[in-house]
Amino acid sequence: MRVNRLRWAAGAAAVGLGAGLFGWHYHLDQGVQQPPTVDLSHGECRGTLDDPRFAASLGSTRQVRVDTTFIPGGSTLPDILSCFVDGEHRRDLSVRVSGAGDEQGRTTLERKDVPADAQSFPAGEAGDRAAVVRFTCETRSGAGGTERTWYYTATAAVQNTHGNSDPAPGRQKTAELAVAFAHRAAEKALGCTNTVDLPDGPYAFGALRSDLALPREGQGS
C-alpha cells in the first residue's frame, strides 16, 4: 500500500536508494542483434524503466549502472523520483519526475529542463536529446486522509558520453521516452489515484519555442 511505501521511504531519510550493475542481454534471432533489455530488480525505479524503448535508447550498451533517488512528499509536498542510467561510457539516460502544488510552481520547476531546441507537442515539449511532459496526479495520504492534486513534469534525456558519435535520438523518440516514463511513474512510484491523461504518439510538433532565448534559472540577463 502507498502508506506503507511512504513510511518505508521516509525512514530511508530521502537519500539515494540504490545503485548497482545490471546486465543487458542481447537477444539473437538468426544472427540479428536486437535491442538490449534491462531488469531493474530493486529501488523505486522498479517498474518505471521496464519499457523496451528505454533499453533501445542506450543502443549497444551491455552493462549499466542505475542510481535511484526517491524523496517522499506525503500530504504537504509531492513525491520526487529520479533514475540515472550510466550506459557503459557510451550513452547515459536520465529521467526525473517532480511536481508542485499549482501550475505556476510547476512552470518554475521545469524551466531549466525544457530543451534548448524544444518544439511543443500535446502536453509537452521535446528536442533531439531531451523532452518534458506535463500531467496531474491525485493522491490520498492514508485511509480517509487528505486528497491532493499535484502538477507534475516528467523529463527524459539521452546524452552521448566521451565524444561518442552516436546520433541524437530525435524529438519523436525523446517525447516517447518522457511520456512512457510519466505513465510508469504515475502507475508505480507516485501512486496516482486518478487516470493520468497523457498523449499517444506519433506526436505532431508545433513551432520552435520563441521564449527560450530568455535567461533561464542560474543565467544572467
Protein backbone atom coordinates (compact mmCIF):
# COMPACT_ATOMS: atom_id res chain seq x y z
CA MET A 1 0.00 0.00 0.00
CA ARG A 2 1.04 3.58 -0.60
CA VAL A 3 1.04 4.40 3.14
CA ASN A 4 3.49 1.61 3.89
CA ARG A 5 5.69 2.70 0.99
CA LEU A 6 5.84 6.26 2.26
CA ARG A 7 6.68 5.14 5.78
CA TRP A 8 9.48 2.97 4.48
CA ALA A 9 10.78 5.69 2.19
CA ALA A 10 10.69 8.31 4.93
CA GLY A 11 12.81 6.01 7.09
CA ALA A 12 15.41 6.00 4.35
CA ALA A 13 15.97 9.70 5.08
CA ALA A 14 15.28 10.68 1.48
CA VAL A 15 18.65 9.59 0.15
CA GLY A 16 19.57 7.63 -2.98
CA LEU A 17 18.00 4.20 -2.56
CA GLY A 18 20.03 2.04 -4.83
CA ALA A 19 22.94 1.74 -7.21
CA GLY A 20 24.09 -1.41 -8.91
CA LEU A 21 25.30 -3.13 -12.02
CA PHE A 22 22.70 -4.85 -14.13
CA GLY A 23 23.31 -7.00 -17.18
CA TRP A 24 21.92 -6.01 -20.55
CA HIS A 25 21.32 -9.05 -22.70
CA TYR A 26 21.34 -9.44 -26.41
CA HIS A 27 18.56 -11.50 -27.93
CA LEU A 28 19.88 -13.10 -31.08
CA ASP A 29 17.50 -14.24 -33.79
CA GLN A 30 19.23 -15.94 -36.72
CA GLY A 31 22.33 -13.83 -36.13
CA VAL A 32 20.45 -10.50 -36.00
CA GLN A 33 21.24 -8.35 -32.96
CA GLN A 34 18.13 -6.96 -31.27
CA PRO A 35 17.90 -4.03 -28.84
CA PRO A 36 19.02 -4.96 -25.30
CA THR A 37 16.65 -5.30 -22.36
CA VAL A 38 17.18 -4.48 -18.70
CA ASP A 39 15.74 -5.85 -15.48
CA LEU A 40 15.80 -3.38 -12.59
CA SER A 41 15.41 -5.58 -9.54
CA HIS A 42 15.16 -3.04 -6.72
CA GLY A 43 14.57 0.58 -5.81
CA GLU A 44 11.79 2.97 -6.73
CA CYS A 45 12.82 2.79 -10.40
CA ARG A 46 11.46 -0.75 -10.47
CA GLY A 47 8.55 -0.79 -12.85
CA THR A 48 9.27 2.67 -14.25
CA LEU A 49 12.02 1.73 -16.72
CA ASP A 50 10.77 -1.63 -17.97
CA ASP A 51 9.54 -0.26 -21.29
CA PRO A 52 11.86 -1.65 -24.03
CA ARG A 53 12.23 1.85 -25.51
CA PHE A 54 14.45 2.82 -22.57
CA ALA A 55 16.81 -0.06 -23.29
CA ALA A 56 16.82 0.74 -27.01
CA SER A 57 17.78 4.36 -26.28
CA LEU A 58 21.16 3.16 -24.99
CA GLY A 59 21.96 1.20 -28.14
CA SER A 60 24.63 -1.49 -27.81
CA THR A 61 25.41 -0.94 -24.14
CA ARG A 62 25.95 -4.30 -22.36
CA GLN A 63 26.09 -3.15 -18.73
CA VAL A 64 24.56 -0.21 -16.94
CA ARG A 65 24.77 1.41 -13.53
CA VAL A 66 21.41 2.54 -12.18
CA ASP A 67 21.16 5.22 -9.49
CA THR A 68 17.76 5.80 -7.91
CA THR A 69 16.67 8.74 -5.79
CA PHE A 70 13.19 8.86 -4.29
CA ILE A 71 12.04 11.67 -1.98
CA PRO A 72 8.60 11.11 -0.45
CA GLY A 73 6.37 14.13 -0.12
CA GLY A 74 3.27 12.99 1.76
CA SER A 75 0.30 15.33 2.25
CA THR A 76 2.20 18.64 2.02
CA LEU A 77 4.72 18.04 -0.79
CA PRO A 78 4.71 15.88 -3.92
CA ASP A 79 6.95 12.84 -4.33
CA ILE A 80 10.12 13.24 -6.39
CA LEU A 81 11.71 10.38 -8.34
CA SER A 82 14.84 10.35 -10.48
CA CYS A 83 16.66 7.49 -12.19
CA PHE A 84 20.08 7.83 -13.81
CA VAL A 85 21.36 5.06 -16.07
CA ASP A 86 25.10 5.12 -16.81
CA GLY A 87 25.44 3.33 -20.13
CA GLU A 88 28.99 1.95 -20.02
CA HIS A 89 30.69 5.12 -21.32
CA ARG A 90 28.54 5.25 -24.44
CA ARG A 91 25.20 6.82 -23.58
CA ASP A 92 23.53 7.99 -20.37
CA LEU A 93 19.80 8.08 -19.74
CA SER A 94 18.30 10.29 -17.06
CA VAL A 95 14.62 10.52 -16.16
CA ARG A 96 13.04 12.57 -13.41
CA VAL A 97 9.55 13.43 -12.25
CA SER A 98 8.96 16.40 -9.97
CA GLY A 99 5.83 18.27 -9.03
CA ALA A 100 4.32 21.33 -7.39
CA GLY A 101 1.05 22.33 -5.77
CA ASP A 102 -0.07 24.53 -8.68
CA GLU A 103 0.60 25.32 -12.33
CA GLN A 104 2.83 28.29 -11.55
CA GLY A 105 5.05 26.22 -9.30
CA ARG A 106 5.40 23.55 -11.97
CA THR A 107 6.40 26.15 -14.57
CA THR A 108 9.11 27.46 -12.26
CA LEU A 109 10.48 23.98 -11.59
CA GLU A 110 10.59 22.83 -15.19
CA ARG A 111 12.06 25.95 -16.78
CA LYS A 112 15.61 24.62 -16.69
CA ASP A 113 14.51 21.24 -18.10
CA VAL A 114 12.95 22.43 -21.36
CA PRO A 115 15.35 21.55 -24.21
CA ALA A 116 17.03 24.45 -25.99
CA ASP A 117 15.67 23.16 -29.32
CA ALA A 118 12.21 22.40 -27.92
CA GLN A 119 9.15 22.11 -30.09
CA SER A 120 5.75 21.67 -28.46
CA PHE A 121 3.56 18.58 -28.70
CA PRO A 122 0.34 17.87 -26.77
CA ALA A 123 1.11 18.23 -23.02
CA GLY A 124 4.85 18.59 -23.55
CA GLU A 125 7.92 19.79 -25.40
CA ALA A 126 10.79 17.89 -26.99
CA GLY A 127 14.20 18.40 -28.55
CA ASP A 128 16.59 15.96 -30.22
CA ARG A 129 18.06 14.74 -26.91
CA ALA A 130 15.52 15.62 -24.21
CA ALA A 131 11.80 16.06 -23.63
CA VAL A 132 9.32 17.05 -20.93
CA VAL A 133 5.68 16.08 -20.47
CA ARG A 134 3.14 17.51 -18.02
CA PHE A 135 0.39 15.71 -16.12
CA THR A 136 -1.67 15.94 -12.94
CA CYS A 137 -1.62 13.32 -10.20
CA GLU A 138 -4.19 12.94 -7.44
CA THR A 139 -3.08 11.26 -4.22
CA ARG A 140 -4.58 10.45 -0.86
CA SER A 141 -2.50 10.22 2.34
CA GLY A 142 -3.78 7.25 4.31
CA ALA A 143 -7.26 5.83 4.66
CA GLY A 144 -9.61 8.78 4.77
CA GLY A 145 -6.66 11.15 4.62
CA THR A 146 -6.10 14.36 2.69
CA GLU A 147 -6.60 14.22 -1.05
CA ARG A 148 -4.30 16.44 -3.11
CA THR A 149 -3.72 17.27 -6.76
CA TRP A 150 -0.11 17.65 -7.84
CA TYR A 151 1.14 19.23 -11.05
CA TYR A 152 3.98 17.09 -12.34
CA THR A 153 6.61 17.31 -15.06
CA ALA A 154 8.40 14.18 -16.29
CA THR A 155 11.75 14.72 -18.00
CA ALA A 156 13.74 12.26 -20.13
CA ALA A 157 17.19 12.96 -21.57
CA VAL A 158 19.68 10.83 -23.53
CA GLN A 159 23.29 12.01 -23.66
CA ASN A 160 26.30 10.71 -25.53
CA THR A 161 29.44 10.36 -23.42
CA HIS A 162 33.15 10.69 -24.14
CA GLY A 163 32.61 12.21 -27.57
CA ASN A 164 30.64 9.24 -28.85
CA SER A 165 29.40 9.77 -32.38
CA ASP A 166 26.03 8.06 -31.93
CA PRO A 167 23.32 10.28 -33.44
CA ALA A 168 20.78 12.04 -31.24
CA PRO A 169 17.54 10.07 -30.70
CA GLY A 170 15.41 12.86 -32.21
CA ARG A 171 12.43 14.69 -30.73
CA GLN A 172 9.90 11.97 -31.62
CA LYS A 173 11.82 9.36 -29.62
CA THR A 174 12.60 11.65 -26.69
CA ALA A 175 8.91 12.56 -26.49
CA GLU A 176 8.06 8.86 -26.41
CA LEU A 177 10.53 8.30 -23.56
CA ALA A 178 9.16 11.17 -21.49
CA VAL A 179 5.56 10.02 -21.93
CA ALA A 180 6.41 6.37 -21.22
CA PHE A 181 8.25 7.35 -18.05
CA ALA A 182 5.35 9.56 -16.93
CA HIS A 183 2.94 6.64 -17.41
CA ARG A 184 5.08 4.25 -15.38
CA ALA A 185 5.89 6.73 -12.63
CA ALA A 186 2.21 7.61 -12.19
CA GLU A 187 1.23 3.94 -12.00
CA LYS A 188 4.08 2.80 -9.75
CA ALA A 189 6.20 5.18 -7.69
CA LEU A 190 3.79 8.12 -7.39
CA GLY A 191 0.70 6.06 -6.69
CA CYS A 192 -1.70 8.38 -8.52
CA THR A 193 -5.34 7.55 -7.81
CA ASN A 194 -6.67 9.26 -10.94
CA THR A 195 -6.43 8.17 -14.56
CA VAL A 196 -3.43 10.16 -15.79
CA ASP A 197 -4.18 11.73 -19.16
CA LEU A 198 -1.11 11.54 -21.42
CA PRO A 199 -0.91 11.76 -25.22
CA ASP A 200 -0.19 8.86 -27.56
CA GLY A 201 2.41 9.05 -30.31
CA PRO A 202 3.37 9.66 -33.01
CA TYR A 203 3.46 13.30 -31.95
CA ALA A 204 2.73 16.31 -34.13
CA PHE A 205 5.08 19.14 -33.21
CA GLY A 206 4.34 22.85 -33.21
CA ALA A 207 6.67 25.78 -33.77
CA LEU A 208 10.06 26.15 -32.11
CA ARG A 209 9.68 27.76 -28.70
CA SER A 210 10.11 31.54 -29.03
CA ASP A 211 10.84 32.26 -25.36
CA LEU A 212 13.90 30.04 -24.98
CA ALA A 213 16.20 32.98 -25.68
CA LEU A 214 15.17 34.46 -22.33
CA PRO A 215 17.60 33.97 -19.42
CA ARG A 216 16.98 30.75 -17.53
CA GLU A 217 17.47 29.93 -13.89
CA GLY A 218 21.13 30.38 -12.97
CA GLN A 219 21.89 32.52 -16.04
CA GLY A 220 22.48 36.22 -16.25
CA SER A 221 20.23 38.65 -18.08
